[in-house]
């Protein structure tokens, strides 16, 4: 059975839940973790050689993972990240948060690649211009039509039509701020887009003018 068919197997067998783990580069990692632990829960170990796959039953996950590490004594492992804890209550506090991220494999950096470099310095700077906009609209009754049950069951009663807008351009540099623009009337959306094009023509030369530090 393919891994992708495990959820289907669980749906067809409501009392069974399955966790599946793989093995690669001397590391065990989760492949599929059940959403909920059922009455009959099993942990399986997947062995594959690209051509065939075989499932093995894991009777004691803690003992299996302990054999891959140097520490002695019982440990409590998270099914999602396989991080180990010394006490059951620590695991119970960790697992609900880890469950949100789904199954994952932790890979530590190598000795040749163990330094992080921050390159996106420009993302730390404030956006030079911000446009805050708001629309007003009115509800217009729609013409009642006979519904075709073979096509749709939705009956439209009203339509939202934009009746006006207001926007303001704000900049870090006070000299570039602009007063609010208010419009009320027909074709509000088209007029709003035309106003944005005008603002773009005013703002673009400012952004393109680079001053050396």
C-alpha atoms as a PDB file:
ATOM      1  CA  UNK A   1       0.000   0.000   0.000  1.00  0.00           C
ATOM      2  CA  UNK A   2       1.311   3.436  -0.915  1.00  0.00           C
ATOM      3  CA  UNK A   3       1.868   5.988   1.832  1.00  0.00           C
ATOM      4  CA  UNK A   4      -0.708   8.323   0.255  1.00  0.00           C
ATOM      5  CA  UNK A   5      -3.398   5.641   0.783  1.00  0.00           C
ATOM      6  CA  UNK A   6      -2.924   5.437   4.568  1.00  0.00           C
ATOM      7  CA  UNK A   7      -5.511   8.204   5.301  1.00  0.00           C
ATOM      8  CA  UNK A   8      -8.018   6.316   3.137  1.00  0.00           C
ATOM      9  CA  UNK A   9      -7.287   3.102   5.064  1.00  0.00           C
ATOM     10  CA  UNK A  10      -7.893   4.974   8.355  1.00  0.00           C
ATOM     11  CA  UNK A  11     -11.234   6.307   7.102  1.00  0.00           C
ATOM     12  CA  UNK A  12     -12.324   2.803   6.125  1.00  0.00           C
ATOM     13  CA  UNK A  13     -11.229   1.483   9.553  1.00  0.00           C
ATOM     14  CA  UNK A  14     -12.433   4.092  12.086  1.00  0.00           C
ATOM     15  CA  UNK A  15     -10.871   2.326  15.104  1.00  0.00           C
ATOM     16  CA  UNK A  16      -7.328   2.192  13.654  1.00  0.00           C
ATOM     17  CA  UNK A  17      -4.730   4.988  13.532  1.00  0.00           C
ATOM     18  CA  UNK A  18      -1.237   4.765  12.033  1.00  0.00           C
ATOM     19  CA  UNK A  19       2.044   6.586  12.497  1.00  0.00           C
ATOM     20  CA  UNK A  20       4.656   5.913   9.818  1.00  0.00           C
ATOM     21  CA  UNK A  21       8.396   6.527  10.178  1.00  0.00           C
ATOM     22  CA  UNK A  22      11.226   6.345   7.665  1.00  0.00           C
ATOM     23  CA  UNK A  23      14.977   5.873   8.019  1.00  0.00           C
ATOM     24  CA  UNK A  24      17.698   7.724   6.132  1.00  0.00           C
ATOM     25  CA  UNK A  25      21.335   8.581   6.825  1.00  0.00           C
ATOM     26  CA  UNK A  26      21.168   6.823  10.221  1.00  0.00           C
ATOM     27  CA  UNK A  27      18.214   8.981  11.273  1.00  0.00           C
ATOM     28  CA  UNK A  28      14.595   8.078  11.948  1.00  0.00           C
ATOM     29  CA  UNK A  29      12.025  10.650  10.798  1.00  0.00           C
ATOM     30  CA  UNK A  30       8.205  10.863  10.635  1.00  0.00           C
ATOM     31  CA  UNK A  31       6.574  10.279   7.254  1.00  0.00           C
ATOM     32  CA  UNK A  32       2.897  10.240   8.240  1.00  0.00           C
ATOM     33  CA  UNK A  33       1.323  10.982  11.629  1.00  0.00           C
ATOM     34  CA  UNK A  34      -2.352  10.268  12.360  1.00  0.00           C
ATOM     35  CA  UNK A  35      -4.539  13.248  13.209  1.00  0.00           C
ATOM     36  CA  UNK A  36      -5.951  11.408  16.223  1.00  0.00           C
ATOM     37  CA  UNK A  37      -4.792   8.429  18.243  1.00  0.00           C
ATOM     38  CA  UNK A  38      -7.486   5.749  17.931  1.00  0.00           C
ATOM     39  CA  UNK A  39      -8.377   2.640  19.927  1.00  0.00           C
ATOM     40  CA  UNK A  40      -5.990   0.486  17.869  1.00  0.00           C
ATOM     41  CA  UNK A  41      -2.883   2.583  17.278  1.00  0.00           C
ATOM     42  CA  UNK A  42       0.240   1.252  15.541  1.00  0.00           C
ATOM     43  CA  UNK A  43       3.638   2.692  14.713  1.00  0.00           C
ATOM     44  CA  UNK A  44       5.116   1.392  11.465  1.00  0.00           C
ATOM     45  CA  UNK A  45       8.652   1.502  10.089  1.00  0.00           C
ATOM     46  CA  UNK A  46       8.999   1.923   6.306  1.00  0.00           C
ATOM     47  CA  UNK A  47      11.914   0.202   4.556  1.00  0.00           C
ATOM     48  CA  UNK A  48      12.411   0.918   0.856  1.00  0.00           C
ATOM     49  CA  UNK A  49      15.071   0.512  -1.827  1.00  0.00           C
ATOM     50  CA  UNK A  50      13.409   2.689  -4.526  1.00  0.00           C
ATOM     51  CA  UNK A  51      11.874  -0.432  -6.117  1.00  0.00           C
ATOM     52  CA  UNK A  52      10.017  -2.100  -3.250  1.00  0.00           C
ATOM     53  CA  UNK A  53       8.649  -1.016   0.130  1.00  0.00           C
ATOM     54  CA  UNK A  54       8.084  -3.013   3.291  1.00  0.00           C
ATOM     55  CA  UNK A  55       6.316  -2.064   6.526  1.00  0.00           C
ATOM     56  CA  UNK A  56       7.613  -3.266   9.901  1.00  0.00           C
ATOM     57  CA  UNK A  57       5.812  -2.996  13.222  1.00  0.00           C
ATOM     58  CA  UNK A  58       7.453  -0.787  15.878  1.00  0.00           C
ATOM     59  CA  UNK A  59       6.529  -2.269  19.233  1.00  0.00           C
ATOM     60  CA  UNK A  60       8.404   0.298  21.344  1.00  0.00           C
ATOM     61  CA  UNK A  61       9.254   3.645  19.720  1.00  0.00           C
ATOM     62  CA  UNK A  62      11.243   4.860  22.738  1.00  0.00           C
ATOM     63  CA  UNK A  63      13.449   1.776  22.692  1.00  0.00           C
ATOM     64  CA  UNK A  64      14.018   2.036  18.938  1.00  0.00           C
ATOM     65  CA  UNK A  65      15.005   5.707  19.091  1.00  0.00           C
ATOM     66  CA  UNK A  66      17.088   5.104  22.200  1.00  0.00           C
ATOM     67  CA  UNK A  67      19.162   2.554  20.288  1.00  0.00           C
ATOM     68  CA  UNK A  68      20.112   5.295  17.804  1.00  0.00           C
ATOM     69  CA  UNK A  69      21.382   7.640  20.534  1.00  0.00           C
ATOM     70  CA  UNK A  70      24.036   7.475  23.243  1.00  0.00           C
ATOM     71  CA  UNK A  71      21.915   8.207  26.315  1.00  0.00           C
ATOM     72  CA  UNK A  72      20.621   5.524  28.677  1.00  0.00           C
ATOM     73  CA  UNK A  73      17.208   5.318  30.305  1.00  0.00           C
ATOM     74  CA  UNK A  74      13.677   5.835  29.097  1.00  0.00           C
ATOM     75  CA  UNK A  75      12.799   8.897  27.072  1.00  0.00           C
ATOM     76  CA  UNK A  76       9.471  10.245  25.832  1.00  0.00           C
ATOM     77  CA  UNK A  77       9.455  11.176  22.139  1.00  0.00           C
ATOM     78  CA  UNK A  78       7.258  13.576  20.201  1.00  0.00           C
ATOM     79  CA  UNK A  79       5.740  11.786  17.201  1.00  0.00           C
ATOM     80  CA  UNK A  80       5.950  14.916  15.040  1.00  0.00           C
ATOM     81  CA  UNK A  81       9.583  16.003  15.510  1.00  0.00           C
ATOM     82  CA  UNK A  82      11.029  13.032  17.481  1.00  0.00           C
ATOM     83  CA  UNK A  83      12.466  15.366  20.101  1.00  0.00           C
ATOM     84  CA  UNK A  84      12.990  13.524  23.375  1.00  0.00           C
ATOM     85  CA  UNK A  85      11.828  14.512  26.868  1.00  0.00           C
ATOM     86  CA  UNK A  86      12.722  13.145  30.276  1.00  0.00           C
ATOM     87  CA  UNK A  87       9.121  13.220  31.563  1.00  0.00           C
ATOM     88  CA  UNK A  88       5.686  12.446  30.141  1.00  0.00           C
ATOM     89  CA  UNK A  89       4.217  15.769  31.295  1.00  0.00           C
ATOM     90  CA  UNK A  90       6.893  17.685  29.351  1.00  0.00           C
ATOM     91  CA  UNK A  91       5.963  15.780  26.206  1.00  0.00           C
ATOM     92  CA  UNK A  92       2.241  16.441  26.752  1.00  0.00           C
ATOM     93  CA  UNK A  93       2.950  20.174  27.020  1.00  0.00           C
ATOM     94  CA  UNK A  94       5.052  20.176  23.849  1.00  0.00           C
ATOM     95  CA  UNK A  95       3.068  17.965  21.457  1.00  0.00           C
ATOM     96  CA  UNK A  96      -0.077  20.155  20.981  1.00  0.00           C
ATOM     97  CA  UNK A  97       2.100  23.016  19.705  1.00  0.00           C
ATOM     98  CA  UNK A  98       4.277  20.766  17.540  1.00  0.00           C
ATOM     99  CA  UNK A  99       1.194  19.117  16.010  1.00  0.00           C
ATOM    100  CA  UNK A 100       0.332  22.403  14.245  1.00  0.00           C
ATOM    101  CA  UNK A 101       3.496  22.117  12.104  1.00  0.00           C
ATOM    102  CA  UNK A 102       2.910  18.506  11.046  1.00  0.00           C
ATOM    103  CA  UNK A 103       5.622  15.832  10.691  1.00  0.00           C
ATOM    104  CA  UNK A 104       9.108  17.257  10.397  1.00  0.00           C
ATOM    105  CA  UNK A 105      12.735  16.207  10.325  1.00  0.00           C
ATOM    106  CA  UNK A 106      15.309  18.273  12.187  1.00  0.00           C
ATOM    107  CA  UNK A 107      18.586  18.615  10.296  1.00  0.00           C
ATOM    108  CA  UNK A 108      21.428  20.416  12.039  1.00  0.00           C
ATOM    109  CA  UNK A 109      23.889  22.499   9.954  1.00  0.00           C
ATOM    110  CA  UNK A 110      27.215  20.962   8.982  1.00  0.00           C
ATOM    111  CA  UNK A 111      30.588  22.311  10.107  1.00  0.00           C
ATOM    112  CA  UNK A 112      31.077  23.853   6.651  1.00  0.00           C
ATOM    113  CA  UNK A 113      27.717  25.628   6.735  1.00  0.00           C
ATOM    114  CA  UNK A 114      27.015  26.660  10.336  1.00  0.00           C
ATOM    115  CA  UNK A 115      26.767  30.460  10.014  1.00  0.00           C
ATOM    116  CA  UNK A 116      23.596  32.406   9.214  1.00  0.00           C
ATOM    117  CA  UNK A 117      23.874  35.527   7.083  1.00  0.00           C
ATOM    118  CA  UNK A 118      21.168  38.193   7.013  1.00  0.00           C
ATOM    119  CA  UNK A 119      20.973  39.708   3.543  1.00  0.00           C
ATOM    120  CA  UNK A 120      17.509  41.325   3.342  1.00  0.00           C
ATOM    121  CA  UNK A 121      18.551  44.563   5.032  1.00  0.00           C
ATOM    122  CA  UNK A 122      16.164  46.557   2.837  1.00  0.00           C
ATOM    123  CA  UNK A 123      13.217  44.727   4.418  1.00  0.00           C
ATOM    124  CA  UNK A 124      14.062  46.318   7.775  1.00  0.00           C
ATOM    125  CA  UNK A 125      13.355  49.798   6.424  1.00  0.00           C
ATOM    126  CA  UNK A 126       9.951  51.434   6.498  1.00  0.00           C
ATOM    127  CA  UNK A 127       7.991  51.621   3.269  1.00  0.00           C
ATOM    128  CA  UNK A 128       8.593  55.171   1.943  1.00  0.00           C
ATOM    129  CA  UNK A 129       4.959  55.701   0.887  1.00  0.00           C
ATOM    130  CA  UNK A 130       1.688  54.226   2.130  1.00  0.00           C
ATOM    131  CA  UNK A 131      -1.782  54.869   0.700  1.00  0.00           C
ATOM    132  CA  UNK A 132      -4.724  54.336   3.051  1.00  0.00           C
ATOM    133  CA  UNK A 133      -8.046  54.028   1.226  1.00  0.00           C
ATOM    134  CA  UNK A 134     -11.670  53.340   2.129  1.00  0.00           C
ATOM    135  CA  UNK A 135     -14.774  52.818  -0.017  1.00  0.00           C
ATOM    136  CA  UNK A 136     -18.411  53.555   0.683  1.00  0.00           C
ATOM    137  CA  UNK A 137     -21.139  51.539  -1.029  1.00  0.00           C
ATOM    138  CA  UNK A 138     -24.904  51.288  -1.278  1.00  0.00           C
ATOM    139  CA  UNK A 139     -27.210  48.270  -1.550  1.00  0.00           C
ATOM    140  CA  UNK A 140     -29.244  48.149  -4.753  1.00  0.00           C
ATOM    141  CA  UNK A 141     -32.092  45.598  -5.070  1.00  0.00           C
ATOM    142  CA  UNK A 142     -31.613  43.061  -7.842  1.00  0.00           C
ATOM    143  CA  UNK A 143     -34.266  42.064 -10.339  1.00  0.00           C
ATOM    144  CA  UNK A 144     -35.943  38.827  -9.193  1.00  0.00           C
ATOM    145  CA  UNK A 145     -35.467  35.947 -11.596  1.00  0.00           C
ATOM    146  CA  UNK A 146     -36.835  32.438 -11.669  1.00  0.00           C
ATOM    147  CA  UNK A 147     -34.221  29.998 -10.384  1.00  0.00           C
ATOM    148  CA  UNK A 148     -33.186  26.912 -12.322  1.00  0.00           C
ATOM    149  CA  UNK A 149     -32.726  24.153  -9.730  1.00  0.00           C
ATOM    150  CA  UNK A 150     -30.424  22.271 -12.114  1.00  0.00           C
ATOM    151  CA  UNK A 151     -27.973  25.187 -12.239  1.00  0.00           C
ATOM    152  CA  UNK A 152     -28.077  27.112  -8.963  1.00  0.00           C
ATOM    153  CA  UNK A 153     -30.001  27.538  -5.727  1.00  0.00           C
ATOM    154  CA  UNK A 154     -28.594  31.005  -4.982  1.00  0.00           C
ATOM    155  CA  UNK A 155     -31.028  33.922  -5.147  1.00  0.00           C
ATOM    156  CA  UNK A 156     -29.411  37.339  -5.476  1.00  0.00           C
ATOM    157  CA  UNK A 157     -31.408  40.004  -3.667  1.00  0.00           C
ATOM    158  CA  UNK A 158     -29.058  43.017  -3.559  1.00  0.00           C
ATOM    159  CA  UNK A 159     -25.909  44.274  -5.235  1.00  0.00           C
ATOM    160  CA  UNK A 160     -23.167  46.314  -3.572  1.00  0.00           C
ATOM    161  CA  UNK A 161     -22.308  49.335  -5.680  1.00  0.00           C
ATOM    162  CA  UNK A 162     -19.418  51.652  -4.791  1.00  0.00           C
ATOM    163  CA  UNK A 163     -20.706  55.185  -4.216  1.00  0.00           C
ATOM    164  CA  UNK A 164     -17.545  56.969  -3.130  1.00  0.00           C
ATOM    165  CA  UNK A 165     -14.065  56.719  -1.688  1.00  0.00           C
ATOM    166  CA  UNK A 166     -11.453  58.553   0.297  1.00  0.00           C
ATOM    167  CA  UNK A 167      -7.702  58.013   0.392  1.00  0.00           C
ATOM    168  CA  UNK A 168      -4.623  59.690   1.806  1.00  0.00           C
ATOM    169  CA  UNK A 169      -0.943  59.372   0.893  1.00  0.00           C
ATOM    170  CA  UNK A 170       1.423  59.181   3.873  1.00  0.00           C
ATOM    171  CA  UNK A 171       5.220  59.363   3.700  1.00  0.00           C
ATOM    172  CA  UNK A 172       8.103  59.238   6.167  1.00  0.00           C
ATOM    173  CA  UNK A 173       9.137  62.611   4.754  1.00  0.00           C
ATOM    174  CA  UNK A 174       6.532  65.166   5.783  1.00  0.00           C
ATOM    175  CA  UNK A 175       7.037  67.285   2.640  1.00  0.00           C
ATOM    176  CA  UNK A 176       5.796  64.377   0.502  1.00  0.00           C
ATOM    177  CA  UNK A 177       2.510  63.907   2.377  1.00  0.00           C
ATOM    178  CA  UNK A 178      -0.642  64.754   0.451  1.00  0.00           C
ATOM    179  CA  UNK A 179      -4.065  65.924   1.689  1.00  0.00           C
ATOM    180  CA  UNK A 180      -6.990  63.438   1.679  1.00  0.00           C
ATOM    181  CA  UNK A 181      -8.827  62.925  -1.598  1.00  0.00           C
ATOM    182  CA  UNK A 182     -12.603  62.491  -1.321  1.00  0.00           C
ATOM    183  CA  UNK A 183     -14.932  61.453  -4.133  1.00  0.00           C
ATOM    184  CA  UNK A 184     -18.663  60.767  -4.134  1.00  0.00           C
ATOM    185  CA  UNK A 185     -20.566  59.926  -7.312  1.00  0.00           C
ATOM    186  CA  UNK A 186     -20.816  57.509 -10.208  1.00  0.00           C
ATOM    187  CA  UNK A 187     -17.997  55.252 -11.447  1.00  0.00           C
ATOM    188  CA  UNK A 188     -16.251  55.408  -8.065  1.00  0.00           C
ATOM    189  CA  UNK A 189     -13.994  52.411  -8.779  1.00  0.00           C
ATOM    190  CA  UNK A 190     -12.829  53.767 -12.142  1.00  0.00           C
ATOM    191  CA  UNK A 191     -12.147  57.185 -10.628  1.00  0.00           C
ATOM    192  CA  UNK A 192     -10.204  55.593  -7.760  1.00  0.00           C
ATOM    193  CA  UNK A 193      -7.936  53.689 -10.165  1.00  0.00           C
ATOM    194  CA  UNK A 194      -7.333  56.868 -12.193  1.00  0.00           C
ATOM    195  CA  UNK A 195      -6.375  58.709  -8.995  1.00  0.00           C
ATOM    196  CA  UNK A 196      -3.882  55.951  -8.126  1.00  0.00           C
ATOM    197  CA  UNK A 197      -2.236  56.316 -11.528  1.00  0.00           C
ATOM    198  CA  UNK A 198      -1.877  60.055 -10.894  1.00  0.00           C
ATOM    199  CA  UNK A 199      -0.313  59.369  -7.482  1.00  0.00           C
ATOM    200  CA  UNK A 200       2.048  56.845  -9.056  1.00  0.00           C
ATOM    201  CA  UNK A 201       3.302  59.480 -11.518  1.00  0.00           C
ATOM    202  CA  UNK A 202       3.985  61.818  -8.583  1.00  0.00           C
ATOM    203  CA  UNK A 203       5.665  59.227  -6.348  1.00  0.00           C
ATOM    204  CA  UNK A 204       7.801  57.331  -8.875  1.00  0.00           C
ATOM    205  CA  UNK A 205      10.301  60.160  -9.599  1.00  0.00           C
ATOM    206  CA  UNK A 206      10.791  60.594  -5.848  1.00  0.00           C
ATOM    207  CA  UNK A 207      11.628  56.913  -5.376  1.00  0.00           C
ATOM    208  CA  UNK A 208      13.936  56.851  -8.397  1.00  0.00           C
ATOM    209  CA  UNK A 209      15.972  59.774  -7.092  1.00  0.00           C
ATOM    210  CA  UNK A 210      18.736  58.150  -5.025  1.00  0.00           C
ATOM    211  CA  UNK A 211      20.863  60.360  -2.798  1.00  0.00           C
ATOM    212  CA  UNK A 212      24.261  59.083  -1.676  1.00  0.00           C
ATOM    213  CA  UNK A 213      24.801  58.751   2.059  1.00  0.00           C
END
